[in-house]
Amino acid sequence: MSSLLTFRVTFSETNVINSEILQGGLNITMTIENMAREFRYDELRLPDPNPRLSVDEVRTAFSATYPEIATAALTGPEAVGNKLVYHFTKAIGTKG
């Protein structure tokens, strides 16, 4: 989903109020897109189960299938194309 946002920006090299430069302004058009989340774990690309869930809630949801995710380190988000990518990395520890 994308939407078009148009706004007006005013700027000046000086701090003079009501100058012609301040009143002239500049029109800029931007396109804003919602970026989908993607989660990656152990070479797997995991789709976002629900965009309304927090990242911790997503971790809990995926840990039912991938128990290691419960203790995995989380990095991100990283913007890749039109997605925000989060990486789960296995926690490496020692026993004993």
Foldseek 3Di string as FASTA:
>chain_A
DKDKDKDWAADDPDPDPPDPRRVVTDIDIDMDDQAAEWEDEPNDIHGQPDPVDDPLVSLVVCCVVVVQSPVFDKDWQDDDPRHGYIYTHGDDDDDD
